[in-house]
PDB file of all heavy atoms in Angstrom:
ATOM      1  N   ASN A   1     -12.470 -20.282  12.377  1.00  0.00           N
ATOM      2  CA  ASN A   1     -13.500 -20.560  11.366  1.00  0.00           C
ATOM      3  C   ASN A   1     -13.449 -19.537  10.240  1.00  0.00           C
ATOM      4  O   ASN A   1     -13.693 -19.865   9.069  1.00  0.00           O
ATOM      5  CB  ASN A   1     -14.881 -20.557  12.015  1.00  0.00           C
ATOM      6  CG  ASN A   1     -15.083 -21.733  12.948  1.00  0.00           C
ATOM      7  OD1 ASN A   1     -14.403 -22.754  12.834  1.00  0.00           O
ATOM      8  ND2 ASN A   1     -16.007 -21.605  13.883  1.00  0.00           N
ATOM      9  N   PHE A   2     -13.141 -18.287  10.579  1.00  0.00           N
ATOM     10  CA  PHE A   2     -13.020 -17.240   9.567  1.00  0.00           C
ATOM     11  C   PHE A   2     -11.855 -17.555   8.632  1.00  0.00           C
ATOM     12  O   PHE A   2     -11.974 -17.477   7.402  1.00  0.00           O
ATOM     13  CB  PHE A   2     -12.826 -15.895  10.258  1.00  0.00           C
ATOM     14  CG  PHE A   2     -13.028 -14.705   9.351  1.00  0.00           C
ATOM     15  CD1 PHE A   2     -13.505 -14.848   8.050  1.00  0.00           C
ATOM     16  CD2 PHE A   2     -12.764 -13.422   9.808  1.00  0.00           C
ATOM     17  CE1 PHE A   2     -13.695 -13.744   7.229  1.00  0.00           C
ATOM     18  CE2 PHE A   2     -12.961 -12.321   8.997  1.00  0.00           C
ATOM     19  CZ  PHE A   2     -13.408 -12.477   7.703  1.00  0.00           C
ATOM     20  N   TYR A   3     -10.715 -17.913   9.209  1.00  0.00           N
ATOM     21  CA  TYR A   3      -9.558 -18.288   8.396  1.00  0.00           C
ATOM     22  C   TYR A   3      -9.877 -19.502   7.511  1.00  0.00           C
ATOM     23  O   TYR A   3      -9.455 -19.566   6.346  1.00  0.00           O
ATOM     24  CB  TYR A   3      -8.353 -18.602   9.284  1.00  0.00           C
ATOM     25  CG  TYR A   3      -7.574 -17.393   9.727  1.00  0.00           C
ATOM     26  CD1 TYR A   3      -7.591 -16.963  11.052  1.00  0.00           C
ATOM     27  CD2 TYR A   3      -6.803 -16.669   8.816  1.00  0.00           C
ATOM     28  CE1 TYR A   3      -6.870 -15.852  11.460  1.00  0.00           C
ATOM     29  CE2 TYR A   3      -6.070 -15.550   9.218  1.00  0.00           C
ATOM     30  CZ  TYR A   3      -6.114 -15.145  10.540  1.00  0.00           C
ATOM     31  OH  TYR A   3      -5.406 -14.031  10.934  1.00  0.00           O
ATOM     32  N   ASN A   4     -10.625 -20.455   8.053  1.00  0.00           N
ATOM     33  CA  ASN A   4     -10.993 -21.647   7.272  1.00  0.00           C
ATOM     34  C   ASN A   4     -11.872 -21.278   6.086  1.00  0.00           C
ATOM     35  O   ASN A   4     -11.752 -21.872   5.001  1.00  0.00           O
ATOM     36  CB  ASN A   4     -11.722 -22.649   8.168  1.00  0.00           C
ATOM     37  CG  ASN A   4     -10.792 -23.357   9.137  1.00  0.00           C
ATOM     38  OD1 ASN A   4      -9.597 -23.466   8.879  1.00  0.00           O
ATOM     39  ND2 ASN A   4     -11.329 -23.824  10.243  1.00  0.00           N
ATOM     40  N   LYS A   5     -12.754 -20.319   6.273  1.00  0.00           N
ATOM     41  CA  LYS A   5     -13.616 -19.874   5.175  1.00  0.00           C
ATOM     42  C   LYS A   5     -12.782 -19.261   4.047  1.00  0.00           C
ATOM     43  O   LYS A   5     -13.035 -19.514   2.861  1.00  0.00           O
ATOM     44  CB  LYS A   5     -14.628 -18.862   5.697  1.00  0.00           C
ATOM     45  CG  LYS A   5     -15.661 -18.400   4.665  1.00  0.00           C
ATOM     46  CD  LYS A   5     -16.540 -19.542   4.198  1.00  0.00           C
ATOM     47  CE  LYS A   5     -17.417 -20.078   5.303  1.00  0.00           C
ATOM     48  NZ  LYS A   5     -18.368 -21.109   4.797  1.00  0.00           N
ATOM     49  N   ILE A   6     -11.775 -18.483   4.408  1.00  0.00           N
ATOM     50  CA  ILE A   6     -10.870 -17.902   3.411  1.00  0.00           C
ATOM     51  C   ILE A   6     -10.071 -19.006   2.716  1.00  0.00           C
ATOM     52  O   ILE A   6      -9.886 -18.991   1.494  1.00  0.00           O
ATOM     53  CB  ILE A   6      -9.905 -16.897   4.069  1.00  0.00           C
ATOM     54  CG1 ILE A   6     -10.674 -15.760   4.752  1.00  0.00           C
ATOM     55  CG2 ILE A   6      -8.920 -16.355   3.042  1.00  0.00           C
ATOM     56  CD1 ILE A   6     -11.487 -14.917   3.819  1.00  0.00           C
ATOM     57  N   ARG A   7      -9.644 -19.982   3.503  1.00  0.00           N
ATOM     58  CA  ARG A   7      -8.854 -21.088   2.951  1.00  0.00           C
ATOM     59  C   ARG A   7      -9.682 -21.895   1.945  1.00  0.00           C
ATOM     60  O   ARG A   7      -9.176 -22.309   0.893  1.00  0.00           O
ATOM     61  CB  ARG A   7      -8.371 -21.983   4.093  1.00  0.00           C
ATOM     62  CG  ARG A   7      -7.304 -22.988   3.686  1.00  0.00           C
ATOM     63  CD  ARG A   7      -6.778 -23.759   4.889  1.00  0.00           C
ATOM     64  NE  ARG A   7      -6.116 -22.872   5.845  1.00  0.00           N
ATOM     65  CZ  ARG A   7      -6.582 -22.596   7.056  1.00  0.00           C
ATOM     66  NH1 ARG A   7      -7.710 -23.141   7.470  1.00  0.00           N
ATOM     67  NH2 ARG A   7      -5.928 -21.791   7.848  1.00  0.00           N
ATOM     68  N   GLU A   8     -10.956 -22.116   2.255  1.00  0.00           N
ATOM     69  CA  GLU A   8     -11.839 -22.835   1.333  1.00  0.00           C
ATOM     70  C   GLU A   8     -11.988 -22.086   0.019  1.00  0.00           C
ATOM     71  O   GLU A   8     -12.009 -22.689  -1.056  1.00  0.00           O
ATOM     72  CB  GLU A   8     -13.211 -23.031   1.987  1.00  0.00           C
ATOM     73  CG  GLU A   8     -13.208 -24.022   3.141  1.00  0.00           C
ATOM     74  CD  GLU A   8     -14.544 -24.040   3.870  1.00  0.00           C
ATOM     75  OE1 GLU A   8     -15.483 -23.355   3.403  1.00  0.00           O
ATOM     76  OE2 GLU A   8     -14.643 -24.730   4.909  1.00  0.00           O
ATOM     77  N   CYS A   9     -12.102 -20.775   0.107  1.00  0.00           N
ATOM     78  CA  CYS A   9     -12.201 -19.941  -1.089  1.00  0.00           C
ATOM     79  C   CYS A   9     -10.959 -20.090  -1.953  1.00  0.00           C
ATOM     80  O   CYS A   9     -11.048 -20.284  -3.173  1.00  0.00           O
ATOM     81  CB  CYS A   9     -12.406 -18.478  -0.686  1.00  0.00           C
ATOM     82  SG  CYS A   9     -12.212 -17.284  -2.027  1.00  0.00           S
ATOM     83  N   ASN A  10      -9.796 -20.016  -1.322  1.00  0.00           N
ATOM     84  CA  ASN A  10      -8.538 -20.104  -2.065  1.00  0.00           C
ATOM     85  C   ASN A  10      -8.348 -21.482  -2.705  1.00  0.00           C
ATOM     86  O   ASN A  10      -7.853 -21.592  -3.835  1.00  0.00           O
ATOM     87  CB  ASN A  10      -7.367 -19.786  -1.133  1.00  0.00           C
ATOM     88  CG  ASN A  10      -7.384 -18.345  -0.662  1.00  0.00           C
ATOM     89  OD1 ASN A  10      -8.057 -17.492  -1.249  1.00  0.00           O
ATOM     90  ND2 ASN A  10      -6.651 -18.051   0.407  1.00  0.00           N
ATOM     91  N   LEU A  11      -8.735 -22.531  -1.989  1.00  0.00           N
ATOM     92  CA  LEU A  11      -8.606 -23.883  -2.528  1.00  0.00           C
ATOM     93  C   LEU A  11      -9.525 -24.095  -3.726  1.00  0.00           C
ATOM     94  O   LEU A  11      -9.156 -24.749  -4.706  1.00  0.00           O
ATOM     95  CB  LEU A  11      -8.928 -24.912  -1.436  1.00  0.00           C
ATOM     96  CG  LEU A  11      -7.881 -25.068  -0.327  1.00  0.00           C
ATOM     97  CD1 LEU A  11      -8.387 -26.011   0.766  1.00  0.00           C
ATOM     98  CD2 LEU A  11      -6.563 -25.598  -0.899  1.00  0.00           C
ATOM     99  N   LEU A  12     -10.733 -23.531  -3.660  1.00  0.00           N
ATOM    100  CA  LEU A  12     -11.667 -23.651  -4.780  1.00  0.00           C
ATOM    101  C   LEU A  12     -11.126 -22.935  -6.009  1.00  0.00           C
ATOM    102  O   LEU A  12     -11.223 -23.445  -7.137  1.00  0.00           O
ATOM    103  CB  LEU A  12     -13.034 -23.073  -4.390  1.00  0.00           C
ATOM    104  CG  LEU A  12     -14.142 -23.179  -5.452  1.00  0.00           C
ATOM    105  CD1 LEU A  12     -14.418 -24.639  -5.789  1.00  0.00           C
ATOM    106  CD2 LEU A  12     -15.419 -22.498  -4.960  1.00  0.00           C
ATOM    107  N   LEU A  13     -10.543 -21.762  -5.811  1.00  0.00           N
ATOM    108  CA  LEU A  13      -9.950 -21.026  -6.923  1.00  0.00           C
ATOM    109  C   LEU A  13      -8.817 -21.825  -7.563  1.00  0.00           C
ATOM    110  O   LEU A  13      -8.720 -21.930  -8.789  1.00  0.00           O
ATOM    111  CB  LEU A  13      -9.422 -19.676  -6.437  1.00  0.00           C
ATOM    112  CG  LEU A  13     -10.452 -18.558  -6.287  1.00  0.00           C
ATOM    113  CD1 LEU A  13      -9.892 -17.440  -5.433  1.00  0.00           C
ATOM    114  CD2 LEU A  13     -10.855 -18.017  -7.661  1.00  0.00           C
ATOM    115  N   LYS A  14      -7.971 -22.404  -6.721  1.00  0.00           N
ATOM    116  CA  LYS A  14      -6.848 -23.187  -7.229  1.00  0.00           C
ATOM    117  C   LYS A  14      -7.338 -24.405  -8.001  1.00  0.00           C
ATOM    118  O   LYS A  14      -6.791 -24.748  -9.061  1.00  0.00           O
ATOM    119  CB  LYS A  14      -5.963 -23.617  -6.054  1.00  0.00           C
ATOM    120  CG  LYS A  14      -4.694 -24.340  -6.477  1.00  0.00           C
ATOM    121  CD  LYS A  14      -3.832 -24.665  -5.258  1.00  0.00           C
ATOM    122  CE  LYS A  14      -2.554 -25.376  -5.683  1.00  0.00           C
ATOM    123  NZ  LYS A  14      -1.696 -25.694  -4.491  1.00  0.00           N
ATOM    124  N   LYS A  15      -8.375 -25.061  -7.497  1.00  0.00           N
ATOM    125  CA  LYS A  15      -8.921 -26.257  -8.128  1.00  0.00           C
ATOM    126  C   LYS A  15      -9.525 -25.954  -9.485  1.00  0.00           C
ATOM    127  O   LYS A  15      -9.471 -26.791 -10.406  1.00  0.00           O
ATOM    128  CB  LYS A  15      -9.968 -26.885  -7.201  1.00  0.00           C
ATOM    129  CG  LYS A  15     -10.604 -28.151  -7.731  1.00  0.00           C
ATOM    130  CD  LYS A  15     -11.629 -28.695  -6.741  1.00  0.00           C
ATOM    131  CE  LYS A  15     -12.293 -29.952  -7.272  1.00  0.00           C
ATOM    132  NZ  LYS A  15     -13.311 -30.476  -6.310  1.00  0.00           N
ATOM    133  N   GLN A  16     -10.097 -24.759  -9.640  1.00  0.00           N
ATOM    134  CA  GLN A  16     -10.817 -24.409 -10.862  1.00  0.00           C
ATOM    135  C   GLN A  16     -10.055 -23.397 -11.715  1.00  0.00           C
ATOM    136  O   GLN A  16     -10.638 -22.630 -12.472  1.00  0.00           O
ATOM    137  CB  GLN A  16     -12.210 -23.856 -10.516  1.00  0.00           C
ATOM    138  CG  GLN A  16     -13.073 -24.856  -9.782  1.00  0.00           C
ATOM    139  CD  GLN A  16     -14.492 -24.368  -9.515  1.00  0.00           C
ATOM    140  OE1 GLN A  16     -15.317 -25.095  -8.979  1.00  0.00           O
ATOM    141  NE2 GLN A  16     -14.802 -23.136  -9.909  1.00  0.00           N
ATOM    142  N   ASP A  17      -8.716 -23.406 -11.581  1.00  0.00           N
ATOM    143  CA  ASP A  17      -7.863 -22.525 -12.382  1.00  0.00           C
ATOM    144  C   ASP A  17      -8.276 -21.060 -12.242  1.00  0.00           C
ATOM    145  O   ASP A  17      -8.326 -20.305 -13.219  1.00  0.00           O
ATOM    146  CB  ASP A  17      -7.904 -22.942 -13.862  1.00  0.00           C
ATOM    147  CG  ASP A  17      -7.291 -24.315 -14.096  1.00  0.00           C
ATOM    148  OD1 ASP A  17      -6.331 -24.657 -13.379  1.00  0.00           O
ATOM    149  OD2 ASP A  17      -7.794 -25.033 -14.967  1.00  0.00           O
ATOM    150  N   ASN A  18      -8.593 -20.673 -10.999  1.00  0.00           N
ATOM    151  CA  ASN A  18      -8.930 -19.277 -10.661  1.00  0.00           C
ATOM    152  C   ASN A  18     -10.204 -18.782 -11.356  1.00  0.00           C
ATOM    153  O   ASN A  18     -10.363 -17.590 -11.588  1.00  0.00           O
ATOM    154  CB  ASN A  18      -7.761 -18.349 -10.988  1.00  0.00           C
ATOM    155  CG  ASN A  18      -6.504 -18.744 -10.237  1.00  0.00           C
ATOM    156  OD1 ASN A  18      -6.552 -19.063  -9.048  1.00  0.00           O
ATOM    157  ND2 ASN A  18      -5.379 -18.753 -10.935  1.00  0.00           N
ATOM    158  N   ARG A  19     -11.097 -19.715 -11.663  1.00  0.00           N
ATOM    159  CA  ARG A  19     -12.359 -19.347 -12.307  1.00  0.00           C
ATOM    160  C   ARG A  19     -13.531 -19.756 -11.428  1.00  0.00           C
ATOM    161  O   ARG A  19     -13.588 -20.878 -10.923  1.00  0.00           O
ATOM    162  CB  ARG A  19     -12.480 -20.020 -13.671  1.00  0.00           C
ATOM    163  CG  ARG A  19     -11.419 -19.577 -14.679  1.00  0.00           C
ATOM    164  CD  ARG A  19     -11.544 -20.348 -15.971  1.00  0.00           C
ATOM    165  NE  ARG A  19     -10.517 -19.952 -16.928  1.00  0.00           N
ATOM    166  CZ  ARG A  19     -10.352 -20.505 -18.130  1.00  0.00           C
ATOM    167  NH1 ARG A  19     -11.168 -21.504 -18.493  1.00  0.00           N
ATOM    168  NH2 ARG A  19      -9.399 -20.092 -18.938  1.00  0.00           N
ATOM    169  N   LEU A  20     -14.469 -18.838 -11.248  1.00  0.00           N
ATOM    170  CA  LEU A  20     -15.664 -19.099 -10.447  1.00  0.00           C
ATOM    171  C   LEU A  20     -16.895 -18.632 -11.207  1.00  0.00           C
ATOM    172  O   LEU A  20     -16.838 -17.644 -11.936  1.00  0.00           O
ATOM    173  CB  LEU A  20     -15.592 -18.344  -9.107  1.00  0.00           C
ATOM    174  CG  LEU A  20     -14.424 -18.680  -8.164  1.00  0.00           C
ATOM    175  CD1 LEU A  20     -14.439 -17.731  -6.977  1.00  0.00           C
ATOM    176  CD2 LEU A  20     -14.521 -20.123  -7.687  1.00  0.00           C
ATOM    177  N   ASN A  21     -18.007 -19.362 -11.023  1.00  0.00           N
ATOM    178  CA  ASN A  21     -19.251 -18.865 -11.610  1.00  0.00           C
ATOM    179  C   ASN A  21     -19.936 -17.928 -10.607  1.00  0.00           C
ATOM    180  O   ASN A  21     -19.511 -17.807  -9.452  1.00  0.00           O
ATOM    181  CB  ASN A  21     -20.174 -20.015 -12.017  1.00  0.00           C
ATOM    182  CG  ASN A  21     -20.559 -20.916 -10.850  1.00  0.00           C
ATOM    183  OD1 ASN A  21     -20.880 -20.448  -9.762  1.00  0.00           O
ATOM    184  ND2 ASN A  21     -20.534 -22.228 -11.077  1.00  0.00           N
ATOM    185  N   LYS A  22     -20.994 -17.288 -11.044  1.00  0.00           N
ATOM    186  CA  LYS A  22     -21.663 -16.274 -10.231  1.00  0.00           C
ATOM    187  C   LYS A  22     -22.189 -16.855  -8.923  1.00  0.00           C
ATOM    188  O   LYS A  22     -22.055 -16.231  -7.855  1.00  0.00           O
ATOM    189  CB  LYS A  22     -22.812 -15.640 -11.016  1.00  0.00           C
ATOM    190  CG  LYS A  22     -23.514 -14.521 -10.268  1.00  0.00           C
ATOM    191  CD  LYS A  22     -24.634 -13.904 -11.097  1.00  0.00           C
ATOM    192  CE  LYS A  22     -25.344 -12.791 -10.338  1.00  0.00           C
ATOM    193  NZ  LYS A  22     -26.449 -12.203 -11.145  1.00  0.00           N
ATOM    194  N   GLU A  23     -22.779 -18.051  -9.000  1.00  0.00           N
ATOM    195  CA  GLU A  23     -23.347 -18.653  -7.800  1.00  0.00           C
ATOM    196  C   GLU A  23     -22.266 -18.967  -6.771  1.00  0.00           C
ATOM    197  O   GLU A  23     -22.458 -18.782  -5.563  1.00  0.00           O
ATOM    198  CB  GLU A  23     -24.114 -19.938  -8.161  1.00  0.00           C
ATOM    199  CG  GLU A  23     -25.458 -19.704  -8.834  1.00  0.00           C
ATOM    200  CD  GLU A  23     -25.310 -19.249 -10.279  1.00  0.00           C
ATOM    201  OE1 GLU A  23     -24.234 -19.522 -10.883  1.00  0.00           O
ATOM    202  OE2 GLU A  23     -26.249 -18.631 -10.808  1.00  0.00           O
ATOM    203  N   GLN A  24     -21.095 -19.432  -7.239  1.00  0.00           N
ATOM    204  CA  GLN A  24     -19.994 -19.726  -6.328  1.00  0.00           C
ATOM    205  C   GLN A  24     -19.489 -18.455  -5.655  1.00  0.00           C
ATOM    206  O   GLN A  24     -19.218 -18.435  -4.454  1.00  0.00           O
ATOM    207  CB  GLN A  24     -18.858 -20.412  -7.088  1.00  0.00           C
ATOM    208  CG  GLN A  24     -19.174 -21.838  -7.511  1.00  0.00           C
ATOM    209  CD  GLN A  24     -18.102 -22.434  -8.398  1.00  0.00           C
ATOM    210  OE1 GLN A  24     -17.492 -21.744  -9.219  1.00  0.00           O
ATOM    211  NE2 GLN A  24     -17.867 -23.734  -8.249  1.00  0.00           N
ATOM    212  N   VAL A  25     -19.381 -17.383  -6.431  1.00  0.00           N
ATOM    213  CA  VAL A  25     -18.932 -16.105  -5.880  1.00  0.00           C
ATOM    214  C   VAL A  25     -19.927 -15.612  -4.827  1.00  0.00           C
ATOM    215  O   VAL A  25     -19.530 -15.167  -3.740  1.00  0.00           O
ATOM    216  CB  VAL A  25     -18.767 -15.044  -6.992  1.00  0.00           C
ATOM    217  CG1 VAL A  25     -18.431 -13.677  -6.385  1.00  0.00           C
ATOM    218  CG2 VAL A  25     -17.685 -15.466  -7.975  1.00  0.00           C
TER     219      VAL A  25
END
């Protein structure tokens, strides 16, 4: 589950061209 949480973070970054808003972070 820990690895999956990291994977979700990486996929979101890739989807949004490595850009995140404050709430997402």
